[in-house]
Amino acid sequence: MDNLFIYHNPKCSKSRKALEILKSCDLNPQIILYLEDKLTTEELKSILVKLNINARKLLRTTEKEFKEKNLDEKNLSDNEIITTMLNYPKLIQRPIVVYGSKAVVARPPEKVYEIIQ
């Protein structure tokens, strides 16, 4: 599947489990280590469209950068949030699995079945 991607953090158990599920279905997604290979604005905006959510819903609110960058401020625009997520990719929920025009945040990991079946 050329159009199957997982935005993966190998240190995250949910991310590892989602990848394991994909492989158990004989799928070999392109693995994107988004903490190392930073996303572009266009890539992140495309993911948000496929997820059908706004940037705020993709934030990891438990990361220290969330508080440090005042991301709980309600009047921040999507573009401001996106810029912060690009600068601090730990703030991006994981794992994200993209298949064609669909995407899912695989929390729990079994959510990958929603887009691969």
N, C-alpha and C. Protein backbone atom coordinates (compact mmCIF):
# COMPACT_ATOMS: atom_id res chain seq x y z
N MET A 1 0.84 -1.19 0.00
CA MET A 1 0.00 0.00 0.00
C MET A 1 0.88 1.24 0.00
N ASP A 2 0.92 1.88 -1.13
CA ASP A 2 1.77 3.05 -1.27
C ASP A 2 1.23 4.27 -0.53
N ASN A 3 -0.05 4.27 -0.23
CA ASN A 3 -0.65 5.44 0.39
C ASN A 3 -1.03 5.19 1.85
N LEU A 4 -0.28 4.31 2.51
CA LEU A 4 -0.50 4.03 3.93
C LEU A 4 0.71 4.51 4.72
N PHE A 5 0.45 5.39 5.68
CA PHE A 5 1.51 6.01 6.47
C PHE A 5 1.18 5.91 7.95
N ILE A 6 2.21 5.79 8.76
CA ILE A 6 2.03 5.92 10.20
C ILE A 6 3.03 6.95 10.71
N TYR A 7 2.51 7.95 11.37
CA TYR A 7 3.35 8.95 12.03
C TYR A 7 3.63 8.35 13.40
N HIS A 8 4.86 7.92 13.56
CA HIS A 8 5.23 6.95 14.59
C HIS A 8 6.26 7.50 15.56
N ASN A 9 6.06 7.13 16.83
CA ASN A 9 7.06 7.37 17.87
C ASN A 9 7.35 6.00 18.47
N PRO A 10 8.52 5.43 18.17
CA PRO A 10 8.83 4.09 18.65
C PRO A 10 8.86 3.96 20.17
N LYS A 11 8.97 5.06 20.89
CA LYS A 11 8.97 5.03 22.35
C LYS A 11 7.57 4.93 22.93
N CYS A 12 6.57 5.13 22.11
CA CYS A 12 5.17 5.14 22.55
C CYS A 12 4.56 3.74 22.36
N SER A 13 4.02 3.19 23.43
CA SER A 13 3.44 1.84 23.35
C SER A 13 2.23 1.80 22.41
N LYS A 14 1.43 2.86 22.39
CA LYS A 14 0.27 2.90 21.50
C LYS A 14 0.70 2.92 20.04
N SER A 15 1.76 3.65 19.77
CA SER A 15 2.29 3.73 18.42
C SER A 15 2.86 2.38 17.99
N ARG A 16 3.58 1.74 18.87
CA ARG A 16 4.14 0.41 18.56
C ARG A 16 3.01 -0.60 18.31
N LYS A 17 1.98 -0.54 19.11
CA LYS A 17 0.85 -1.47 18.96
C LYS A 17 0.11 -1.22 17.65
N ALA A 18 -0.10 0.03 17.28
CA ALA A 18 -0.78 0.34 16.02
C ALA A 18 0.03 -0.19 14.83
N LEU A 19 1.33 -0.03 14.89
CA LEU A 19 2.20 -0.56 13.83
C LEU A 19 2.12 -2.08 13.79
N GLU A 20 2.09 -2.69 14.94
CA GLU A 20 1.98 -4.15 15.04
C GLU A 20 0.67 -4.63 14.40
N ILE A 21 -0.42 -3.93 14.67
CA ILE A 21 -1.71 -4.29 14.08
C ILE A 21 -1.64 -4.20 12.56
N LEU A 22 -1.09 -3.11 12.05
CA LEU A 22 -0.98 -2.95 10.59
C LEU A 22 -0.18 -4.10 9.99
N LYS A 23 0.95 -4.42 10.60
CA LYS A 23 1.79 -5.50 10.07
C LYS A 23 1.10 -6.86 10.18
N SER A 24 0.30 -7.06 11.23
CA SER A 24 -0.42 -8.33 11.37
C SER A 24 -1.49 -8.49 10.29
N CYS A 25 -1.88 -7.38 9.68
CA CYS A 25 -2.84 -7.39 8.56
C CYS A 25 -2.12 -7.44 7.22
N ASP A 26 -0.83 -7.78 7.26
CA ASP A 26 0.02 -7.83 6.06
C ASP A 26 0.11 -6.49 5.36
N LEU A 27 0.10 -5.42 6.14
CA LEU A 27 0.25 -4.07 5.60
C LEU A 27 1.61 -3.54 6.04
N ASN A 28 2.27 -2.88 5.14
CA ASN A 28 3.58 -2.30 5.44
C ASN A 28 3.53 -0.80 5.21
N PRO A 29 3.11 -0.07 6.21
CA PRO A 29 3.00 1.38 6.03
C PRO A 29 4.37 2.03 5.92
N GLN A 30 4.38 3.18 5.28
CA GLN A 30 5.58 4.01 5.33
C GLN A 30 5.62 4.60 6.73
N ILE A 31 6.73 4.39 7.42
CA ILE A 31 6.87 4.86 8.80
C ILE A 31 7.53 6.23 8.79
N ILE A 32 6.85 7.20 9.36
CA ILE A 32 7.38 8.55 9.45
C ILE A 32 7.67 8.83 10.91
N LEU A 33 8.94 9.00 11.20
CA LEU A 33 9.38 9.31 12.56
C LEU A 33 9.30 10.82 12.74
N TYR A 34 8.10 11.29 13.04
CA TYR A 34 7.81 12.73 13.01
C TYR A 34 8.59 13.53 14.05
N LEU A 35 9.12 12.89 15.07
CA LEU A 35 9.93 13.62 16.05
C LEU A 35 11.32 13.92 15.48
N GLU A 36 11.77 13.09 14.53
CA GLU A 36 13.08 13.29 13.90
C GLU A 36 12.97 14.05 12.59
N ASP A 37 12.02 13.60 11.76
CA ASP A 37 11.80 14.22 10.45
C ASP A 37 10.60 15.14 10.56
N LYS A 38 10.89 16.38 10.85
CA LYS A 38 9.83 17.36 11.14
C LYS A 38 8.85 17.49 9.98
N LEU A 39 7.60 17.62 10.33
CA LEU A 39 6.55 17.83 9.34
C LEU A 39 6.59 19.26 8.82
N THR A 40 6.05 19.44 7.62
CA THR A 40 5.89 20.79 7.08
C THR A 40 4.48 21.28 7.45
N THR A 41 4.28 22.55 7.30
CA THR A 41 2.95 23.12 7.53
C THR A 41 1.92 22.44 6.64
N GLU A 42 2.26 22.25 5.37
CA GLU A 42 1.34 21.63 4.42
C GLU A 42 1.00 20.20 4.83
N GLU A 43 1.99 19.44 5.28
CA GLU A 43 1.74 18.07 5.71
C GLU A 43 0.80 18.03 6.90
N LEU A 44 1.07 18.87 7.89
CA LEU A 44 0.23 18.86 9.09
C LEU A 44 -1.19 19.33 8.76
N LYS A 45 -1.33 20.33 7.92
CA LYS A 45 -2.67 20.78 7.53
C LYS A 45 -3.42 19.69 6.76
N SER A 46 -2.71 18.96 5.92
CA SER A 46 -3.32 17.86 5.17
C SER A 46 -3.80 16.76 6.11
N ILE A 47 -3.00 16.45 7.12
CA ILE A 47 -3.38 15.44 8.11
C ILE A 47 -4.64 15.90 8.85
N LEU A 48 -4.69 17.16 9.24
CA LEU A 48 -5.86 17.68 9.95
C LEU A 48 -7.12 17.57 9.10
N VAL A 49 -7.00 17.85 7.80
CA VAL A 49 -8.14 17.72 6.90
C VAL A 49 -8.60 16.26 6.86
N LYS A 50 -7.65 15.34 6.73
CA LYS A 50 -7.99 13.92 6.66
C LYS A 50 -8.58 13.41 7.97
N LEU A 51 -8.13 13.97 9.08
CA LEU A 51 -8.69 13.61 10.38
C LEU A 51 -10.04 14.28 10.62
N ASN A 52 -10.30 15.36 9.86
CA ASN A 52 -11.52 16.15 10.01
C ASN A 52 -11.64 16.75 11.41
N ILE A 53 -10.50 17.31 11.88
CA ILE A 53 -10.47 17.98 13.19
C ILE A 53 -9.70 19.28 13.06
N ASN A 54 -9.83 20.14 14.06
CA ASN A 54 -9.03 21.35 14.09
C ASN A 54 -7.71 21.06 14.81
N ALA A 55 -6.79 21.97 14.74
CA ALA A 55 -5.45 21.78 15.30
C ALA A 55 -5.50 21.54 16.81
N ARG A 56 -6.36 22.24 17.50
CA ARG A 56 -6.45 22.11 18.95
C ARG A 56 -6.74 20.66 19.38
N LYS A 57 -7.56 19.95 18.60
CA LYS A 57 -7.91 18.58 18.96
C LYS A 57 -6.76 17.60 18.77
N LEU A 58 -5.71 18.01 18.08
CA LEU A 58 -4.54 17.15 17.86
C LEU A 58 -3.45 17.37 18.90
N LEU A 59 -3.68 18.31 19.79
CA LEU A 59 -2.67 18.63 20.82
C LEU A 59 -2.64 17.61 21.94
N ARG A 60 -1.43 17.31 22.38
CA ARG A 60 -1.24 16.51 23.60
C ARG A 60 -1.18 17.48 24.76
N THR A 61 -2.23 17.52 25.52
CA THR A 61 -2.36 18.52 26.58
C THR A 61 -1.55 18.18 27.83
N THR A 62 -0.99 16.98 27.88
CA THR A 62 -0.22 16.58 29.07
C THR A 62 1.27 16.90 28.95
N GLU A 63 1.70 17.36 27.79
CA GLU A 63 3.12 17.71 27.62
C GLU A 63 3.41 19.05 28.30
N LYS A 64 4.61 19.18 28.86
CA LYS A 64 4.96 20.42 29.56
C LYS A 64 4.93 21.62 28.63
N GLU A 65 5.23 21.41 27.35
CA GLU A 65 5.20 22.51 26.38
C GLU A 65 3.79 23.07 26.19
N PHE A 66 2.79 22.25 26.45
CA PHE A 66 1.41 22.73 26.34
C PHE A 66 1.18 23.90 27.29
N LYS A 67 1.62 23.74 28.53
CA LYS A 67 1.47 24.81 29.52
C LYS A 67 2.46 25.94 29.25
N GLU A 68 3.70 25.58 28.96
CA GLU A 68 4.75 26.59 28.74
C GLU A 68 4.40 27.54 27.60
N LYS A 69 3.76 27.02 26.57
CA LYS A 69 3.42 27.82 25.39
C LYS A 69 1.99 28.38 25.46
N ASN A 70 1.37 28.24 26.62
CA ASN A 70 0.01 28.77 26.83
C ASN A 70 -0.99 28.29 25.77
N LEU A 71 -0.90 27.02 25.44
CA LEU A 71 -1.78 26.48 24.41
C LEU A 71 -3.21 26.26 24.88
N ASP A 72 -3.45 26.45 26.17
CA ASP A 72 -4.83 26.39 26.65
C ASP A 72 -5.55 27.71 26.42
N GLU A 73 -4.83 28.70 25.91
CA GLU A 73 -5.42 30.00 25.57
C GLU A 73 -6.45 29.80 24.46
N LYS A 74 -7.70 30.12 24.72
CA LYS A 74 -8.80 29.82 23.80
C LYS A 74 -8.79 30.63 22.50
N ASN A 75 -8.13 31.78 22.50
CA ASN A 75 -8.19 32.62 21.29
C ASN A 75 -7.03 32.38 20.32
N LEU A 76 -6.25 31.32 20.53
CA LEU A 76 -5.20 31.00 19.57
C LEU A 76 -5.81 30.48 18.28
N SER A 77 -5.27 30.90 17.16
CA SER A 77 -5.76 30.43 15.87
C SER A 77 -5.17 29.05 15.56
N ASP A 78 -5.80 28.36 14.61
CA ASP A 78 -5.26 27.08 14.17
C ASP A 78 -3.83 27.24 13.67
N ASN A 79 -3.56 28.32 12.94
CA ASN A 79 -2.21 28.53 12.41
C ASN A 79 -1.19 28.71 13.52
N GLU A 80 -1.57 29.40 14.58
CA GLU A 80 -0.65 29.55 15.72
C GLU A 80 -0.39 28.20 16.40
N ILE A 81 -1.43 27.41 16.54
CA ILE A 81 -1.27 26.10 17.15
C ILE A 81 -0.42 25.20 16.25
N ILE A 82 -0.68 25.23 14.96
CA ILE A 82 0.09 24.42 14.01
C ILE A 82 1.56 24.80 14.07
N THR A 83 1.86 26.07 14.07
CA THR A 83 3.25 26.52 14.15
C THR A 83 3.93 25.99 15.41
N THR A 84 3.23 26.04 16.51
CA THR A 84 3.80 25.53 17.76
C THR A 84 4.01 24.03 17.69
N MET A 85 3.05 23.30 17.13
CA MET A 85 3.21 21.85 17.00
C MET A 85 4.38 21.50 16.10
N LEU A 86 4.60 22.27 15.07
CA LEU A 86 5.73 22.01 14.17
C LEU A 86 7.06 22.26 14.89
N ASN A 87 7.08 23.25 15.75
CA ASN A 87 8.29 23.56 16.51
C ASN A 87 8.51 22.60 17.67
N TYR A 88 7.43 22.03 18.18
CA TYR A 88 7.47 21.11 19.32
C TYR A 88 6.62 19.88 18.98
N PRO A 89 7.14 18.99 18.11
CA PRO A 89 6.32 17.87 17.62
C PRO A 89 5.85 16.90 18.70
N LYS A 90 6.44 16.95 19.89
CA LYS A 90 5.93 16.12 20.99
C LYS A 90 4.48 16.47 21.31
N LEU A 91 4.05 17.65 20.92
CA LEU A 91 2.69 18.11 21.19
C LEU A 91 1.65 17.44 20.30
N ILE A 92 2.08 16.74 19.26
CA ILE A 92 1.16 16.12 18.31
C ILE A 92 0.73 14.75 18.83
N GLN A 93 -0.59 14.54 18.87
CA GLN A 93 -1.12 13.23 19.28
C GLN A 93 -0.52 12.14 18.39
N ARG A 94 -0.38 10.96 18.95
CA ARG A 94 0.20 9.84 18.21
C ARG A 94 -0.46 8.54 18.61
N PRO A 95 -0.34 7.58 17.78
CA PRO A 95 0.13 7.61 16.39
C PRO A 95 -0.98 8.08 15.47
N ILE A 96 -0.60 8.62 14.35
CA ILE A 96 -1.55 9.00 13.31
C ILE A 96 -1.34 8.04 12.16
N VAL A 97 -2.40 7.40 11.72
CA VAL A 97 -2.34 6.51 10.57
C VAL A 97 -3.14 7.15 9.45
N VAL A 98 -2.52 7.27 8.29
CA VAL A 98 -3.15 7.87 7.12
C VAL A 98 -3.23 6.81 6.04
N TYR A 99 -4.41 6.66 5.48
CA TYR A 99 -4.61 5.73 4.37
C TYR A 99 -5.44 6.44 3.31
N GLY A 100 -4.78 6.83 2.23
CA GLY A 100 -5.46 7.58 1.18
C GLY A 100 -5.96 8.91 1.69
N SER A 101 -7.27 9.12 1.60
CA SER A 101 -7.86 10.39 2.01
C SER A 101 -8.38 10.36 3.44
N LYS A 102 -8.11 9.26 4.16
CA LYS A 102 -8.60 9.12 5.53
C LYS A 102 -7.44 9.06 6.50
N ALA A 103 -7.71 9.43 7.74
CA ALA A 103 -6.70 9.34 8.78
C ALA A 103 -7.40 9.11 10.11
N VAL A 104 -6.62 8.57 11.05
CA VAL A 104 -7.14 8.34 12.39
C VAL A 104 -6.00 8.48 13.39
N VAL A 105 -6.31 9.05 14.54
CA VAL A 105 -5.38 9.02 15.66
C VAL A 105 -5.67 7.68 16.33
N ALA A 106 -4.70 6.79 16.29
CA ALA A 106 -4.91 5.42 16.74
C ALA A 106 -4.76 5.28 18.26
N ARG A 107 -5.66 5.93 18.96
CA ARG A 107 -5.75 5.84 20.42
C ARG A 107 -7.20 5.51 20.75
N PRO A 108 -7.48 4.28 21.04
CA PRO A 108 -6.59 3.14 21.18
C PRO A 108 -6.10 2.65 19.81
N PRO A 109 -5.05 1.84 19.82
CA PRO A 109 -4.45 1.39 18.55
C PRO A 109 -5.42 0.69 17.61
N GLU A 110 -6.43 0.04 18.16
CA GLU A 110 -7.41 -0.68 17.34
C GLU A 110 -8.21 0.25 16.42
N LYS A 111 -8.13 1.53 16.63
CA LYS A 111 -8.83 2.49 15.75
C LYS A 111 -8.32 2.42 14.32
N VAL A 112 -7.13 1.84 14.11
CA VAL A 112 -6.62 1.72 12.73
C VAL A 112 -7.58 0.91 11.86
N TYR A 113 -8.32 -0.02 12.47
CA TYR A 113 -9.26 -0.83 11.69
C TYR A 113 -10.32 0.02 11.02
N GLU A 114 -10.61 1.20 11.57
CA GLU A 114 -11.63 2.09 11.00
C GLU A 114 -11.29 2.53 9.58
N ILE A 115 -10.01 2.60 9.27
CA ILE A 115 -9.64 3.11 7.94
C ILE A 115 -9.00 2.07 7.03
N ILE A 116 -8.64 0.90 7.55
CA ILE A 116 -7.98 -0.10 6.69
C ILE A 116 -8.93 -1.19 6.22
N GLN A 117 -10.14 -1.22 6.76
CA GLN A 117 -11.06 -2.29 6.36
C GLN A 117 -12.03 -1.82 5.30
